[in-house]
PDB file of N, CA and C in Angstrom:
ATOM      1  N   UNK A   1     -19.131   2.043  -8.497  1.00  0.00           N
ATOM      2  CA  UNK A   1     -17.818   2.175  -6.472  1.00  0.00           C
ATOM      3  C   UNK A   1     -19.410   2.516  -5.709  1.00  0.00           C
ATOM      4  N   UNK A   2     -19.640   3.995  -6.675  1.00  0.00           N
ATOM      5  CA  UNK A   2     -20.269   5.011  -5.449  1.00  0.00           C
ATOM      6  C   UNK A   2     -21.534   3.749  -5.613  1.00  0.00           C
ATOM      7  N   UNK A   3     -21.927   4.591  -6.757  1.00  0.00           N
ATOM      8  CA  UNK A   3     -23.292   3.778  -6.874  1.00  0.00           C
ATOM      9  C   UNK A   3     -23.504   2.840  -6.576  1.00  0.00           C
ATOM     10  N   UNK A   4     -23.164   2.052  -5.939  1.00  0.00           N
ATOM     11  CA  UNK A   4     -23.177   0.524  -5.175  1.00  0.00           C
ATOM     12  C   UNK A   4     -22.997   0.867  -4.157  1.00  0.00           C
ATOM     13  N   UNK A   5     -22.691   1.642  -3.461  1.00  0.00           N
ATOM     14  CA  UNK A   5     -23.619   2.055  -2.370  1.00  0.00           C
ATOM     15  C   UNK A   5     -24.140   3.433  -1.051  1.00  0.00           C
ATOM     16  N   UNK A   6     -25.004   3.320  -1.963  1.00  0.00           N
ATOM     17  CA  UNK A   6     -26.576   4.569  -1.928  1.00  0.00           C
ATOM     18  C   UNK A   6     -26.017   4.855  -0.462  1.00  0.00           C
ATOM     19  N   UNK A   7     -26.742   6.406  -0.489  1.00  0.00           N
ATOM     20  CA  UNK A   7     -27.037   6.816   0.641  1.00  0.00           C
ATOM     21  C   UNK A   7     -25.396   6.123   1.856  1.00  0.00           C
ATOM     22  N   UNK A   8     -24.493   6.059   1.523  1.00  0.00           N
ATOM     23  CA  UNK A   8     -24.062   5.655   2.378  1.00  0.00           C
ATOM     24  C   UNK A   8     -22.068   5.977   2.165  1.00  0.00           C
ATOM     25  N   UNK A   9     -20.886   6.273   2.504  1.00  0.00           N
ATOM     26  CA  UNK A   9     -20.110   6.831   2.782  1.00  0.00           C
ATOM     27  C   UNK A   9     -19.045   6.501   3.280  1.00  0.00           C
ATOM     28  N   UNK A  10     -18.334   5.771   2.549  1.00  0.00           N
ATOM     29  CA  UNK A  10     -16.988   4.798   4.300  1.00  0.00           C
ATOM     30  C   UNK A  10     -16.199   6.441   4.806  1.00  0.00           C
ATOM     31  N   UNK A  11     -16.411   5.940   5.750  1.00  0.00           N
ATOM     32  CA  UNK A  11     -14.884   7.408   6.774  1.00  0.00           C
ATOM     33  C   UNK A  11     -14.342   6.574   7.608  1.00  0.00           C
ATOM     34  N   UNK A  12     -13.310   7.480   7.419  1.00  0.00           N
ATOM     35  CA  UNK A  12     -11.795   6.155   7.305  1.00  0.00           C
ATOM     36  C   UNK A  12     -11.584   7.893   8.702  1.00  0.00           C
ATOM     37  N   UNK A  13     -11.648   7.513  10.259  1.00  0.00           N
ATOM     38  CA  UNK A  13     -11.542   8.399  10.830  1.00  0.00           C
ATOM     39  C   UNK A  13     -10.302   7.738  11.826  1.00  0.00           C
ATOM     40  N   UNK A  14      -9.600   9.212  12.015  1.00  0.00           N
ATOM     41  CA  UNK A  14      -8.092   8.399  12.237  1.00  0.00           C
ATOM     42  C   UNK A  14      -7.877  10.198  14.019  1.00  0.00           C
ATOM     43  N   UNK A  15      -6.990   9.381  14.932  1.00  0.00           N
ATOM     44  CA  UNK A  15      -7.498  10.065  16.257  1.00  0.00           C
ATOM     45  C   UNK A  15      -6.211  10.468  16.200  1.00  0.00           C
ATOM     46  N   UNK A  16      -4.743  11.067  15.749  1.00  0.00           N
ATOM     47  CA  UNK A  16      -3.785  11.470  15.474  1.00  0.00           C
ATOM     48  C   UNK A  16      -3.308  12.688  14.759  1.00  0.00           C
ATOM     49  N   UNK A  17      -3.118  13.581  15.296  1.00  0.00           N
ATOM     50  CA  UNK A  17      -3.531  14.572  14.666  1.00  0.00           C
ATOM     51  C   UNK A  17      -1.817  15.244  13.640  1.00  0.00           C
ATOM     52  N   UNK A  18      -1.225  14.187  13.526  1.00  0.00           N
ATOM     53  CA  UNK A  18      -0.111  13.691  12.742  1.00  0.00           C
ATOM     54  C   UNK A  18      -0.326  13.004  11.606  1.00  0.00           C
ATOM     55  N   UNK A  19      -1.524  12.847  11.815  1.00  0.00           N
ATOM     56  CA  UNK A  19      -2.195  12.045  10.395  1.00  0.00           C
ATOM     57  C   UNK A  19      -2.592  13.394   9.535  1.00  0.00           C
ATOM     58  N   UNK A  20      -2.772  14.097  10.199  1.00  0.00           N
ATOM     59  CA  UNK A  20      -3.738  15.546   9.406  1.00  0.00           C
ATOM     60  C   UNK A  20      -2.739  16.637   8.895  1.00  0.00           C
ATOM     61  N   UNK A  21      -1.027  16.399   9.327  1.00  0.00           N
ATOM     62  CA  UNK A  21      -0.538  17.434   9.261  1.00  0.00           C
ATOM     63  C   UNK A  21       0.278  16.480   7.792  1.00  0.00           C
ATOM     64  N   UNK A  22       0.612  14.913   8.209  1.00  0.00           N
ATOM     65  CA  UNK A  22       1.186  14.915   7.115  1.00  0.00           C
ATOM     66  C   UNK A  22       0.615  14.420   5.534  1.00  0.00           C
ATOM     67  N   UNK A  23      -1.194  14.447   5.564  1.00  0.00           N
ATOM     68  CA  UNK A  23      -2.018  15.073   4.642  1.00  0.00           C
ATOM     69  C   UNK A  23      -1.637  15.773   4.138  1.00  0.00           C
ATOM     70  N   UNK A  24      -1.877  16.680   4.467  1.00  0.00           N
ATOM     71  CA  UNK A  24      -1.400  18.576   4.736  1.00  0.00           C
ATOM     72  C   UNK A  24      -0.174  18.675   4.154  1.00  0.00           C
ATOM     73  N   UNK A  25       0.586  17.707   4.144  1.00  0.00           N
ATOM     74  CA  UNK A  25       1.862  18.258   3.626  1.00  0.00           C
ATOM     75  C   UNK A  25       1.760  17.250   2.276  1.00  0.00           C
ATOM     76  N   UNK A  26       1.841  16.537   2.338  1.00  0.00           N
ATOM     77  CA  UNK A  26       1.357  15.353   0.741  1.00  0.00           C
ATOM     78  C   UNK A  26       0.754  16.411  -0.387  1.00  0.00           C
ATOM     79  N   UNK A  27      -0.455  16.699  -0.335  1.00  0.00           N
ATOM     80  CA  UNK A  27      -1.745  17.602  -0.791  1.00  0.00           C
ATOM     81  C   UNK A  27      -2.120  16.619  -1.947  1.00  0.00           C
ATOM     82  N   UNK A  28      -3.249  16.896  -2.304  1.00  0.00           N
ATOM     83  CA  UNK A  28      -3.952  16.498  -4.185  1.00  0.00           C
ATOM     84  C   UNK A  28      -2.916  15.266  -4.743  1.00  0.00           C
ATOM     85  N   UNK A  29      -3.653  14.224  -5.094  1.00  0.00           N
ATOM     86  CA  UNK A  29      -3.088  13.679  -5.625  1.00  0.00           C
ATOM     87  C   UNK A  29      -1.540  12.405  -5.461  1.00  0.00           C
ATOM     88  N   UNK A  30      -1.404  12.581  -4.286  1.00  0.00           N
ATOM     89  CA  UNK A  30      -0.730  11.960  -3.583  1.00  0.00           C
ATOM     90  C   UNK A  30      -1.266  10.161  -2.891  1.00  0.00           C
ATOM     91  N   UNK A  31      -0.426   9.296  -3.102  1.00  0.00           N
ATOM     92  CA  UNK A  31      -1.271   7.739  -1.948  1.00  0.00           C
ATOM     93  C   UNK A  31      -0.859   8.467  -0.727  1.00  0.00           C
ATOM     94  N   UNK A  32      -1.576   7.578   0.124  1.00  0.00           N
ATOM     95  CA  UNK A  32      -1.194   7.082   1.458  1.00  0.00           C
ATOM     96  C   UNK A  32      -1.988   6.053   1.681  1.00  0.00           C
ATOM     97  N   UNK A  33      -1.881   5.905   2.932  1.00  0.00           N
ATOM     98  CA  UNK A  33      -3.013   4.728   3.331  1.00  0.00           C
ATOM     99  C   UNK A  33      -2.687   4.823   4.498  1.00  0.00           C
ATOM    100  N   UNK A  34      -4.027   4.053   5.592  1.00  0.00           N
ATOM    101  CA  UNK A  34      -4.302   4.001   6.406  1.00  0.00           C
ATOM    102  C   UNK A  34      -4.643   2.038   7.161  1.00  0.00           C
ATOM    103  N   UNK A  35      -4.501   2.091   8.583  1.00  0.00           N
ATOM    104  CA  UNK A  35      -5.239   0.566   7.582  1.00  0.00           C
ATOM    105  C   UNK A  35      -5.679   0.544   9.573  1.00  0.00           C
ATOM    106  N   UNK A  36      -6.539  -0.742   9.864  1.00  0.00           N
ATOM    107  CA  UNK A  36      -7.893  -0.446  10.896  1.00  0.00           C
ATOM    108  C   UNK A  36      -7.334  -2.054  11.294  1.00  0.00           C
ATOM    109  N   UNK A  37      -7.142  -2.691  12.196  1.00  0.00           N
ATOM    110  CA  UNK A  37      -8.007  -3.853  12.999  1.00  0.00           C
ATOM    111  C   UNK A  37      -9.581  -3.523  12.568  1.00  0.00           C
ATOM    112  N   UNK A  38      -9.600  -5.449  12.326  1.00  0.00           N
ATOM    113  CA  UNK A  38     -11.357  -5.346  11.890  1.00  0.00           C
ATOM    114  C   UNK A  38     -12.019  -5.533  13.259  1.00  0.00           C
ATOM    115  N   UNK A  39     -11.481  -5.199  14.483  1.00  0.00           N
ATOM    116  CA  UNK A  39     -12.663  -5.328  15.544  1.00  0.00           C
ATOM    117  C   UNK A  39     -12.340  -3.619  15.564  1.00  0.00           C
ATOM    118  N   UNK A  40     -12.171  -2.825  14.498  1.00  0.00           N
ATOM    119  CA  UNK A  40     -12.597  -1.471  14.563  1.00  0.00           C
ATOM    120  C   UNK A  40     -13.312  -1.081  13.340  1.00  0.00           C
ATOM    121  N   UNK A  41     -13.799  -1.993  13.279  1.00  0.00           N
ATOM    122  CA  UNK A  41     -14.486  -1.750  11.374  1.00  0.00           C
ATOM    123  C   UNK A  41     -15.909  -2.395  11.792  1.00  0.00           C
ATOM    124  N   UNK A  42     -16.247  -1.314  10.958  1.00  0.00           N
ATOM    125  CA  UNK A  42     -18.205  -1.358  11.326  1.00  0.00           C
ATOM    126  C   UNK A  42     -18.573  -2.873  10.397  1.00  0.00           C
ATOM    127  N   UNK A  43     -19.084  -3.463  11.274  1.00  0.00           N
ATOM    128  CA  UNK A  43     -19.319  -5.137  11.059  1.00  0.00           C
ATOM    129  C   UNK A  43     -20.224  -4.793   8.857  1.00  0.00           C
ATOM    130  N   UNK A  44     -20.495  -4.087   8.795  1.00  0.00           N
ATOM    131  CA  UNK A  44     -21.031  -3.748   7.799  1.00  0.00           C
ATOM    132  C   UNK A  44     -20.169  -3.579   6.341  1.00  0.00           C
ATOM    133  N   UNK A  45     -18.949  -2.965   7.105  1.00  0.00           N
ATOM    134  CA  UNK A  45     -18.477  -2.136   5.849  1.00  0.00           C
ATOM    135  C   UNK A  45     -17.191  -3.729   5.405  1.00  0.00           C
ATOM    136  N   UNK A  46     -16.899  -4.577   7.246  1.00  0.00           N
ATOM    137  CA  UNK A  46     -16.541  -5.969   6.646  1.00  0.00           C
ATOM    138  C   UNK A  46     -16.750  -6.629   5.790  1.00  0.00           C
ATOM    139  N   UNK A  47     -18.440  -6.509   5.905  1.00  0.00           N
ATOM    140  CA  UNK A  47     -18.933  -7.169   5.554  1.00  0.00           C
ATOM    141  C   UNK A  47     -18.850  -6.813   3.716  1.00  0.00           C
ATOM    142  N   UNK A  48     -19.423  -5.891   3.007  1.00  0.00           N
ATOM    143  CA  UNK A  48     -19.399  -5.390   2.103  1.00  0.00           C
ATOM    144  C   UNK A  48     -17.714  -5.612   1.540  1.00  0.00           C
ATOM    145  N   UNK A  49     -16.625  -5.582   2.114  1.00  0.00           N
ATOM    146  CA  UNK A  49     -15.376  -5.453   1.752  1.00  0.00           C
ATOM    147  C   UNK A  49     -15.027  -7.424   1.215  1.00  0.00           C
ATOM    148  N   UNK A  50     -15.943  -7.642   1.915  1.00  0.00           N
ATOM    149  CA  UNK A  50     -15.157  -9.243   1.705  1.00  0.00           C
ATOM    150  C   UNK A  50     -16.661  -9.335   0.702  1.00  0.00           C
ATOM    151  N   UNK A  51     -17.558  -9.433   0.677  1.00  0.00           N
ATOM    152  CA  UNK A  51     -18.448  -9.668  -0.123  1.00  0.00           C
ATOM    153  C   UNK A  51     -18.261  -8.566  -1.770  1.00  0.00           C
ATOM    154  N   UNK A  52     -17.258  -7.645  -1.996  1.00  0.00           N
ATOM    155  CA  UNK A  52     -16.682  -7.479  -3.499  1.00  0.00           C
ATOM    156  C   UNK A  52     -17.400  -6.327  -3.125  1.00  0.00           C
ATOM    157  N   UNK A  53     -18.657  -5.665  -2.437  1.00  0.00           N
ATOM    158  CA  UNK A  53     -19.570  -4.397  -2.804  1.00  0.00           C
ATOM    159  C   UNK A  53     -18.270  -2.912  -2.855  1.00  0.00           C
ATOM    160  N   UNK A  54     -17.268  -3.148  -1.464  1.00  0.00           N
ATOM    161  CA  UNK A  54     -17.126  -1.805  -1.764  1.00  0.00           C
ATOM    162  C   UNK A  54     -15.605  -2.078  -2.024  1.00  0.00           C
ATOM    163  N   UNK A  55     -15.259  -1.508  -3.543  1.00  0.00           N
ATOM    164  CA  UNK A  55     -14.014  -1.975  -4.556  1.00  0.00           C
ATOM    165  C   UNK A  55     -13.019  -0.408  -4.043  1.00  0.00           C
ATOM    166  N   UNK A  56     -11.901  -1.233  -4.865  1.00  0.00           N
ATOM    167  CA  UNK A  56     -11.525   0.427  -5.171  1.00  0.00           C
ATOM    168  C   UNK A  56     -11.548   1.803  -6.136  1.00  0.00           C
ATOM    169  N   UNK A  57     -11.922   2.926  -5.720  1.00  0.00           N
ATOM    170  CA  UNK A  57     -12.196   3.791  -7.239  1.00  0.00           C
ATOM    171  C   UNK A  57     -13.921   4.230  -5.779  1.00  0.00           C
ATOM    172  N   UNK A  58     -13.476   3.859  -5.105  1.00  0.00           N
ATOM    173  CA  UNK A  58     -15.125   4.152  -3.954  1.00  0.00           C
ATOM    174  C   UNK A  58     -14.443   5.570  -3.417  1.00  0.00           C
ATOM    175  N   UNK A  59     -15.013   6.026  -3.594  1.00  0.00           N
ATOM    176  CA  UNK A  59     -14.947   7.447  -2.802  1.00  0.00           C
ATOM    177  C   UNK A  59     -15.103   7.508  -1.184  1.00  0.00           C
ATOM    178  N   UNK A  60     -14.090   7.997  -0.619  1.00  0.00           N
ATOM    179  CA  UNK A  60     -14.224   7.948   1.412  1.00  0.00           C
ATOM    180  C   UNK A  60     -13.890   9.826   2.151  1.00  0.00           C
ATOM    181  N   UNK A  61     -14.191  10.117   2.598  1.00  0.00           N
ATOM    182  CA  UNK A  61     -13.810  10.432   3.618  1.00  0.00           C
ATOM    183  C   UNK A  61     -12.660  10.182   5.176  1.00  0.00           C
ATOM    184  N   UNK A  62     -11.856  11.310   4.596  1.00  0.00           N
ATOM    185  CA  UNK A  62     -10.538  10.406   6.511  1.00  0.00           C
ATOM    186  C   UNK A  62     -11.168  12.125   7.100  1.00  0.00           C
ATOM    187  N   UNK A  63     -11.539  11.349   7.832  1.00  0.00           N
ATOM    188  CA  UNK A  63     -12.173  12.378   9.430  1.00  0.00           C
ATOM    189  C   UNK A  63     -11.233  12.583  10.978  1.00  0.00           C
ATOM    190  N   UNK A  64     -10.647  13.772  11.539  1.00  0.00           N
ATOM    191  CA  UNK A  64     -10.145  13.247  12.947  1.00  0.00           C
ATOM    192  C   UNK A  64     -11.676  13.153  13.352  1.00  0.00           C
ATOM    193  N   UNK A  65     -11.179  11.928  14.698  1.00  0.00           N
ATOM    194  CA  UNK A  65     -12.159  13.033  15.919  1.00  0.00           C
ATOM    195  C   UNK A  65     -11.181  13.164  16.947  1.00  0.00           C
ATOM    196  N   UNK A  66     -11.510  14.635  17.112  1.00  0.00           N
ATOM    197  CA  UNK A  66     -11.695  14.859  18.543  1.00  0.00           C
ATOM    198  C   UNK A  66     -12.549  15.316  19.737  1.00  0.00           C
ATOM    199  N   UNK A  67     -11.627  14.127  20.788  1.00  0.00           N
ATOM    200  CA  UNK A  67     -12.819  14.548  21.850  1.00  0.00           C
ATOM    201  C   UNK A  67     -14.228  14.390  21.458  1.00  0.00           C
ATOM    202  N   UNK A  68     -14.937  14.593  21.126  1.00  0.00           N
ATOM    203  CA  UNK A  68     -16.571  14.128  20.575  1.00  0.00           C
ATOM    204  C   UNK A  68     -17.059  14.572  19.269  1.00  0.00           C
ATOM    205  N   UNK A  69     -16.421  14.897  18.729  1.00  0.00           N
ATOM    206  CA  UNK A  69     -16.390  16.141  17.481  1.00  0.00           C
ATOM    207  C   UNK A  69     -15.356  14.857  16.515  1.00  0.00           C
ATOM    208  N   UNK A  70     -15.713  15.148  15.012  1.00  0.00           N
ATOM    209  CA  UNK A  70     -15.799  14.815  13.804  1.00  0.00           C
ATOM    210  C   UNK A  70     -14.804  16.666  13.037  1.00  0.00           C
ATOM    211  N   UNK A  71     -14.107  15.947  12.316  1.00  0.00           N
ATOM    212  CA  UNK A  71     -13.397  17.245  11.764  1.00  0.00           C
ATOM    213  C   UNK A  71     -13.308  16.331  10.015  1.00  0.00           C
ATOM    214  N   UNK A  72     -14.178  16.341   9.261  1.00  0.00           N
ATOM    215  CA  UNK A  72     -13.700  15.879   8.215  1.00  0.00           C
ATOM    216  C   UNK A  72     -11.715  16.807   7.704  1.00  0.00           C
ATOM    217  N   UNK A  73     -11.564  15.710   6.959  1.00  0.00           N
ATOM    218  CA  UNK A  73      -9.743  16.298   6.766  1.00  0.00           C
ATOM    219  C   UNK A  73      -9.512  16.507   5.214  1.00  0.00           C
ATOM    220  N   UNK A  74     -10.179  15.148   4.838  1.00  0.00           N
ATOM    221  CA  UNK A  74     -10.191  15.058   3.149  1.00  0.00           C
ATOM    222  C   UNK A  74     -10.843  14.271   2.398  1.00  0.00           C
ATOM    223  N   UNK A  75     -11.252  13.849   1.065  1.00  0.00           N
ATOM    224  CA  UNK A  75     -11.495  13.503   0.446  1.00  0.00           C
ATOM    225  C   UNK A  75     -10.937  12.823  -0.542  1.00  0.00           C
ATOM    226  N   UNK A  76     -11.121  11.085  -0.214  1.00  0.00           N
ATOM    227  CA  UNK A  76     -10.438  10.285  -0.747  1.00  0.00           C
ATOM    228  C   UNK A  76     -10.455   9.419  -2.222  1.00  0.00           C
ATOM    229  N   UNK A  77     -10.216   8.414  -3.294  1.00  0.00           N
ATOM    230  CA  UNK A  77     -10.476   7.859  -3.556  1.00  0.00           C
ATOM    231  C   UNK A  77      -9.440   6.770  -3.397  1.00  0.00           C
ATOM    232  N   UNK A  78     -10.139   4.949  -3.307  1.00  0.00           N
ATOM    233  CA  UNK A  78      -9.753   4.205  -2.610  1.00  0.00           C
ATOM    234  C   UNK A  78      -8.855   3.866  -4.077  1.00  0.00           C
ATOM    235  N   UNK A  79      -7.350   3.055  -4.414  1.00  0.00           N
ATOM    236  CA  UNK A  79      -7.040   1.976  -4.690  1.00  0.00           C
ATOM    237  C   UNK A  79      -6.235   1.229  -4.785  1.00  0.00           C
ATOM    238  N   UNK A  80      -6.738   0.673  -3.340  1.00  0.00           N
ATOM    239  CA  UNK A  80      -6.737  -0.715  -3.084  1.00  0.00           C
ATOM    240  C   UNK A  80      -7.240  -1.279  -1.461  1.00  0.00           C
ATOM    241  N   UNK A  81      -7.696  -2.227  -1.689  1.00  0.00           N
ATOM    242  CA  UNK A  81      -8.442  -2.768  -0.576  1.00  0.00           C
ATOM    243  C   UNK A  81      -7.579  -4.261   0.111  1.00  0.00           C
ATOM    244  N   UNK A  82      -6.911  -4.196   0.978  1.00  0.00           N
ATOM    245  CA  UNK A  82      -6.128  -5.311   1.894  1.00  0.00           C
ATOM    246  C   UNK A  82      -6.879  -6.270   2.614  1.00  0.00           C
ATOM    247  N   UNK A  83      -7.138  -6.500   3.082  1.00  0.00           N
ATOM    248  CA  UNK A  83      -7.928  -7.680   3.805  1.00  0.00           C
ATOM    249  C   UNK A  83      -6.856  -8.703   4.625  1.00  0.00           C
ATOM    250  N   UNK A  84      -6.320  -8.229   5.591  1.00  0.00           N
ATOM    251  CA  UNK A  84      -5.229  -9.219   6.193  1.00  0.00           C
ATOM    252  C   UNK A  84      -6.059 -10.101   6.882  1.00  0.00           C
ATOM    253  N   UNK A  85      -6.999  -9.965   7.088  1.00  0.00           N
ATOM    254  CA  UNK A  85      -8.103 -10.829   8.373  1.00  0.00           C
ATOM    255  C   UNK A  85      -7.926 -10.090   9.367  1.00  0.00           C
ATOM    256  N   UNK A  86      -7.046  -9.686  10.236  1.00  0.00           N
ATOM    257  CA  UNK A  86      -6.964  -9.671  11.955  1.00  0.00           C
ATOM    258  C   UNK A  86      -7.019  -7.574  11.732  1.00  0.00           C
ATOM    259  N   UNK A  87      -6.910  -7.350   9.446  1.00  0.00           N
ATOM    260  CA  UNK A  87      -6.960  -5.722  10.290  1.00  0.00           C
ATOM    261  C   UNK A  87      -6.476  -5.589   8.758  1.00  0.00           C
ATOM    262  N   UNK A  88      -6.779  -4.189   7.890  1.00  0.00           N
ATOM    263  CA  UNK A  88      -7.590  -3.998   6.226  1.00  0.00           C
ATOM    264  C   UNK A  88      -6.998  -2.866   6.078  1.00  0.00           C
ATOM    265  N   UNK A  89      -6.165  -2.603   5.042  1.00  0.00           N
ATOM    266  CA  UNK A  89      -5.049  -1.657   5.012  1.00  0.00           C
ATOM    267  C   UNK A  89      -6.006  -0.773   3.699  1.00  0.00           C
ATOM    268  N   UNK A  90      -6.448   0.697   3.977  1.00  0.00           N
ATOM    269  CA  UNK A  90      -6.696   1.011   3.017  1.00  0.00           C
ATOM    270  C   UNK A  90      -5.728   1.980   2.705  1.00  0.00           C
ATOM    271  N   UNK A  91      -5.867   1.977   0.598  1.00  0.00           N
ATOM    272  CA  UNK A  91      -4.928   2.571   0.267  1.00  0.00           C
ATOM    273  C   UNK A  91      -5.538   3.701  -0.510  1.00  0.00           C
ATOM    274  N   UNK A  92      -4.801   5.036  -0.404  1.00  0.00           N
ATOM    275  CA  UNK A  92      -5.848   6.167  -1.593  1.00  0.00           C
ATOM    276  C   UNK A  92      -4.739   6.739  -2.050  1.00  0.00           C
ATOM    277  N   UNK A  93      -5.864   7.925  -3.110  1.00  0.00           N
ATOM    278  CA  UNK A  93      -4.914   8.494  -4.122  1.00  0.00           C
ATOM    279  C   UNK A  93      -6.475  10.156  -2.888  1.00  0.00           C
ATOM    280  N   UNK A  94      -5.017  10.745  -2.340  1.00  0.00           N
ATOM    281  CA  UNK A  94      -6.198  12.316  -1.847  1.00  0.00           C
ATOM    282  C   UNK A  94      -6.389  13.087  -2.759  1.00  0.00           C
ATOM    283  N   UNK A  95      -7.795  13.555  -3.360  1.00  0.00           N
ATOM    284  CA  UNK A  95      -8.452  14.563  -3.406  1.00  0.00           C
ATOM    285  C   UNK A  95      -8.386  15.670  -3.717  1.00  0.00           C
ATOM    286  N   UNK A  96      -9.384  15.554  -2.116  1.00  0.00           N
ATOM    287  CA  UNK A  96      -8.939  17.276  -1.875  1.00  0.00           C
ATOM    288  C   UNK A  96      -9.057  16.466  -0.470  1.00  0.00           C
ATOM    289  N   UNK A  97      -7.882  18.169   0.286  1.00  0.00           N
ATOM    290  CA  UNK A  97      -6.857  18.071   1.569  1.00  0.00           C
ATOM    291  C   UNK A  97      -8.172  19.880   1.992  1.00  0.00           C
ATOM    292  N   UNK A  98      -9.273  19.648   3.338  1.00  0.00           N
ATOM    293  CA  UNK A  98      -9.310  20.642   3.864  1.00  0.00           C
ATOM    294  C   UNK A  98      -8.095  21.446   4.648  1.00  0.00           C
ATOM    295  N   UNK A  99      -8.969  22.990   4.807  1.00  0.00           N
ATOM    296  CA  UNK A  99      -7.583  24.072   5.509  1.00  0.00           C
ATOM    297  C   UNK A  99      -8.850  23.797   6.679  1.00  0.00           C
ATOM    298  N   UNK A 100      -7.481  23.980   7.138  1.00  0.00           N
ATOM    299  CA  UNK A 100      -7.840  24.512   9.287  1.00  0.00           C
ATOM    300  C   UNK A 100      -9.049  23.500  10.370  1.00  0.00           C
ATOM    301  N   UNK A 101      -7.966  22.658   9.639  1.00  0.00           N
ATOM    302  CA  UNK A 101      -7.993  21.963  10.757  1.00  0.00           C
ATOM    303  C   UNK A 101      -7.899  21.956  11.987  1.00  0.00           C
ATOM    304  N   UNK A 102      -8.385  21.884  13.224  1.00  0.00           N
ATOM    305  CA  UNK A 102      -7.927  22.047  14.158  1.00  0.00           C
ATOM    306  C   UNK A 102      -6.763  21.589  14.791  1.00  0.00           C
ATOM    307  N   UNK A 103      -6.134  22.159  15.728  1.00  0.00           N
ATOM    308  CA  UNK A 103      -5.145  20.717  16.216  1.00  0.00           C
ATOM    309  C   UNK A 103      -4.403  21.106  17.139  1.00  0.00           C
ATOM    310  N   UNK A 104      -4.222  20.114  17.940  1.00  0.00           N
ATOM    311  CA  UNK A 104      -3.727  21.360  19.827  1.00  0.00           C
ATOM    312  C   UNK A 104      -2.155  21.630  19.731  1.00  0.00           C
ATOM    313  N   UNK A 105      -2.579  23.126  20.175  1.00  0.00           N
ATOM    314  CA  UNK A 105      -1.187  23.698  19.946  1.00  0.00           C
ATOM    315  C   UNK A 105      -0.577  23.416  20.361  1.00  0.00           C
ATOM    316  N   UNK A 106      -0.944  22.679  22.281  1.00  0.00           N
ATOM    317  CA  UNK A 106       0.602  21.444  22.788  1.00  0.00           C
ATOM    318  C   UNK A 106       0.723  19.860  22.209  1.00  0.00           C
ATOM    319  N   UNK A 107       0.644  19.642  20.838  1.00  0.00           N
ATOM    320  CA  UNK A 107       1.206  18.571  20.251  1.00  0.00           C
ATOM    321  C   UNK A 107       2.841  18.875  20.686  1.00  0.00           C
ATOM    322  N   UNK A 108       3.343  17.946  20.707  1.00  0.00           N
ATOM    323  CA  UNK A 108       5.603  17.645  20.803  1.00  0.00           C
ATOM    324  C   UNK A 108       5.478  17.344  19.608  1.00  0.00           C
ATOM    325  N   UNK A 109       6.347  18.801  19.118  1.00  0.00           N
ATOM    326  CA  UNK A 109       7.241  18.831  19.117  1.00  0.00           C
ATOM    327  C   UNK A 109       8.254  18.715  17.849  1.00  0.00           C
ATOM    328  N   UNK A 110       9.169  18.111  19.037  1.00  0.00           N
ATOM    329  CA  UNK A 110      10.650  17.323  18.805  1.00  0.00           C
ATOM    330  C   UNK A 110      11.008  16.913  18.585  1.00  0.00           C
ATOM    331  N   UNK A 111      10.296  15.408  17.689  1.00  0.00           N
ATOM    332  CA  UNK A 111       9.882  14.111  16.896  1.00  0.00           C
ATOM    333  C   UNK A 111      11.474  13.311  16.758  1.00  0.00           C
ATOM    334  N   UNK A 112      12.833  14.293  16.669  1.00  0.00           N
ATOM    335  CA  UNK A 112      14.174  13.072  17.339  1.00  0.00           C
ATOM    336  C   UNK A 112      14.477  13.461  18.417  1.00  0.00           C
ATOM    337  N   UNK A 113      15.034  13.030  19.527  1.00  0.00           N
ATOM    338  CA  UNK A 113      15.191  14.016  21.344  1.00  0.00           C
ATOM    339  C   UNK A 113      15.964  12.150  21.366  1.00  0.00           C
ATOM    340  N   UNK A 114      16.734  12.327  22.371  1.00  0.00           N
ATOM    341  CA  UNK A 114      17.583  11.895  23.219  1.00  0.00           C
ATOM    342  C   UNK A 114      16.717  11.229  24.398  1.00  0.00           C
ATOM    343  N   UNK A 115      16.706  10.179  25.669  1.00  0.00           N
ATOM    344  CA  UNK A 115      16.241  10.497  26.190  1.00  0.00           C
ATOM    345  C   UNK A 115      16.773  10.218  26.829  1.00  0.00           C
ATOM    346  N   UNK A 116      16.920  10.270  28.810  1.00  0.00           N
ATOM    347  CA  UNK A 116      17.980   9.909  30.299  1.00  0.00           C
ATOM    348  C   UNK A 116      17.704   8.251  29.740  1.00  0.00           C
ATOM    349  N   UNK A 117      18.397   7.879  30.302  1.00  0.00           N
ATOM    350  CA  UNK A 117      18.795   5.980  30.544  1.00  0.00           C
ATOM    351  C   UNK A 117      19.189   5.756  31.494  1.00  0.00           C
TER     352      UNK A 117
END
């Protein structure tokens, strides 16, 4: 798998700190998935998915985008790639989760609440 993608590494980029928090809670060995609209996937990646070059077993990384900086969050192994034409879902196993990813200190901590009607 990886030998079929020389000098390239699939990078799944996230923009929400809750994804990073979730991966830290799950730890290495856990399963998770991320889905991307095809308009947010580089055309070369889509071509490799649709031609069968990118397959389960390939290693990739999850990275957090904050501003213009990418922070490597986790090393993963793809277990399934589901192409639904308008979006692609990547199922994966966590191999390693990095510590020390800077998360915004002002993120909302109350995740279940009442709001006025």
